[in-house]
Protein backbone atom coordinates (compact mmCIF):
# COMPACT_ATOMS: atom_id res chain seq x y z
CA GLN A 1 0.00 0.00 0.00
CA VAL A 2 1.15 3.52 -0.73
CA GLN A 3 1.90 5.80 2.22
CA LEU A 4 1.40 9.52 1.68
CA VAL A 5 2.77 12.55 3.52
CA GLU A 6 1.60 16.09 2.74
CA SER A 7 3.56 19.27 3.34
CA GLY A 8 3.45 22.93 2.36
CA GLY A 9 0.39 24.12 4.22
CA GLY A 10 0.35 27.32 6.23
CA LEU A 11 -1.17 30.75 6.74
CA VAL A 12 -1.51 33.06 3.76
CA GLN A 13 -3.42 36.24 2.99
CA ALA A 14 -6.27 36.26 0.51
CA GLY A 15 -4.93 36.52 -3.01
CA GLY A 16 -1.74 34.71 -2.10
CA SER A 17 -0.36 31.36 -3.18
CA LEU A 18 0.74 28.09 -1.64
CA ARG A 19 2.16 24.90 -3.09
CA LEU A 20 1.28 21.63 -1.40
CA SER A 21 3.39 18.53 -1.87
CA CYS A 22 2.47 14.89 -1.38
CA ALA A 23 5.38 12.49 -0.96
CA ALA A 24 4.59 8.84 -1.58
CA SER A 25 6.47 5.79 -0.39
CA GLY A 26 6.64 2.61 -2.37
CA ARG A 27 7.32 1.89 -6.00
CA THR A 28 3.68 1.68 -7.06
CA PHE A 29 2.80 5.41 -6.81
CA SER A 30 3.04 5.78 -10.58
CA SER A 31 0.33 3.16 -11.04
CA TYR A 32 -2.25 5.18 -9.09
CA HIS A 33 -4.28 8.22 -9.97
CA MET A 34 -3.76 10.95 -7.40
CA GLY A 35 -6.19 13.40 -5.93
CA TRP A 36 -6.53 16.20 -3.41
CA PHE A 37 -9.50 16.59 -1.07
CA ARG A 38 -10.17 19.14 1.63
CA GLN A 39 -12.26 19.46 4.76
CA ALA A 40 -13.25 22.79 6.24
CA PRO A 41 -14.38 23.11 9.87
CA GLY A 42 -17.91 21.83 10.30
CA LYS A 43 -18.13 20.61 6.72
CA GLU A 44 -17.78 17.30 4.96
CA ARG A 45 -14.63 16.43 3.08
CA GLU A 46 -14.84 17.46 -0.58
CA PHE A 47 -13.00 16.71 -3.79
CA VAL A 48 -10.59 19.37 -5.06
CA ALA A 49 -8.53 18.00 -7.96
CA ALA A 50 -7.20 14.80 -9.52
CA ILE A 51 -4.57 13.69 -12.00
CA ARG A 52 -4.25 10.42 -13.88
CA TRP A 53 -1.37 8.06 -13.17
CA SER A 54 0.42 9.25 -16.31
CA GLY A 55 -0.23 12.94 -15.70
CA GLY A 56 -2.07 13.07 -18.99
CA SER A 57 -5.45 14.15 -17.65
CA THR A 58 -6.60 16.35 -14.82
CA TYR A 59 -9.95 17.18 -13.28
CA TYR A 60 -10.96 20.01 -10.95
CA ALA A 61 -13.84 20.98 -8.76
CA ASP A 62 -15.61 24.05 -10.12
CA SER A 63 -14.71 26.01 -6.99
CA VAL A 64 -10.97 25.83 -7.74
CA LYS A 65 -10.89 25.65 -11.53
CA GLY A 66 -8.57 28.27 -12.98
CA ARG A 67 -6.88 28.92 -9.61
CA PHE A 68 -5.43 25.54 -8.62
CA THR A 69 -3.13 23.28 -10.65
CA ILE A 70 -2.46 19.64 -9.86
CA SER A 71 0.70 17.93 -11.09
CA ARG A 72 2.92 14.97 -10.34
CA ASP A 73 6.48 13.77 -10.80
CA ASN A 74 6.47 9.98 -10.83
CA ALA A 75 10.27 9.85 -10.86
CA LYS A 76 10.20 11.60 -7.48
CA ASN A 77 7.10 9.79 -6.20
CA THR A 78 5.60 13.20 -5.47
CA GLY A 79 2.40 15.03 -6.30
CA TYR A 80 1.69 18.74 -6.05
CA LEU A 81 -1.15 21.20 -5.74
CA GLN A 82 -0.33 24.76 -6.74
CA MET A 83 -2.92 27.08 -5.24
CA ASN A 84 -3.15 30.66 -6.52
CA SER A 85 -5.57 33.50 -5.84
CA LEU A 86 -6.49 31.92 -2.54
CA LYS A 87 -9.73 32.89 -0.84
CA PRO A 88 -10.80 32.62 2.80
CA GLU A 89 -13.24 29.89 1.76
CA ASP A 90 -10.26 27.76 0.71
CA THR A 91 -9.36 27.40 4.39
CA ALA A 92 -9.36 23.69 5.20
CA VAL A 93 -7.26 20.64 5.94
CA TYR A 94 -5.99 19.36 2.61
CA TYR A 95 -5.49 15.64 2.05
CA CYS A 96 -3.79 13.85 -0.79
CA ALA A 97 -5.07 10.47 -1.83
CA VAL A 98 -4.49 7.74 -4.38
CA THR A 99 -7.00 5.62 -6.20
CA ARG A 100 -7.22 3.21 -9.11
CA GLN A 101 -10.65 4.55 -10.12
CA TRP A 102 -11.00 7.31 -12.70
CA GLY A 103 -13.93 7.11 -15.12
CA ASN A 104 -17.46 8.35 -14.47
CA TYR A 105 -16.25 10.76 -11.80
CA GLN A 106 -15.16 7.84 -9.59
CA VAL A 107 -11.96 9.73 -8.85
CA THR A 108 -14.00 12.39 -7.05
CA ASP A 109 -15.56 9.88 -4.64
CA GLU A 110 -13.63 9.49 -1.40
CA ASN A 111 -15.09 5.99 -1.02
CA ASN A 112 -12.82 4.94 -3.90
CA VAL A 113 -9.64 6.16 -2.22
CA ASP A 114 -7.06 3.47 -1.51
CA SER A 115 -4.72 5.53 0.69
CA TRP A 116 -4.89 8.90 2.47
CA GLY A 117 -2.26 11.26 3.75
CA GLN A 118 -2.52 12.74 7.24
CA GLY A 119 -3.52 16.18 5.97
CA THR A 120 -2.00 19.65 6.02
CA GLN A 121 -3.72 22.82 7.26
CA VAL A 122 -4.25 25.72 4.87
CA THR A 123 -5.55 28.94 6.38
CA VAL A 124 -6.40 31.96 4.23
CA SER A 125 -6.93 35.23 6.06
CA SER A 126 -9.09 38.02 4.68
């Protein structure tokens, strides 16, 4: 099973940027699709973005489209989430995840996740 560790969270002002990283252990990371989810206080965890195992396709939640960019470097067993133009409503704990499911929006369903990271806090001040 793949183990995931996020980093890069922190406190940033509205309009600022952060880059999250997700370091994976094991040699099978490149065989999984990777995604980012987030959970704000008092809310359910929600899908943010996903990228296919090859990096050839990406998918974003409408709320982050045009502001966030997901990427991966399979040689480094690492995934990334570049977050620009951050808003206070982006405040949440961000989790990276891996899954083998992609089609029919399966990648957006947390029930299809095979492994989770521990999460990293992102706080956007107004």
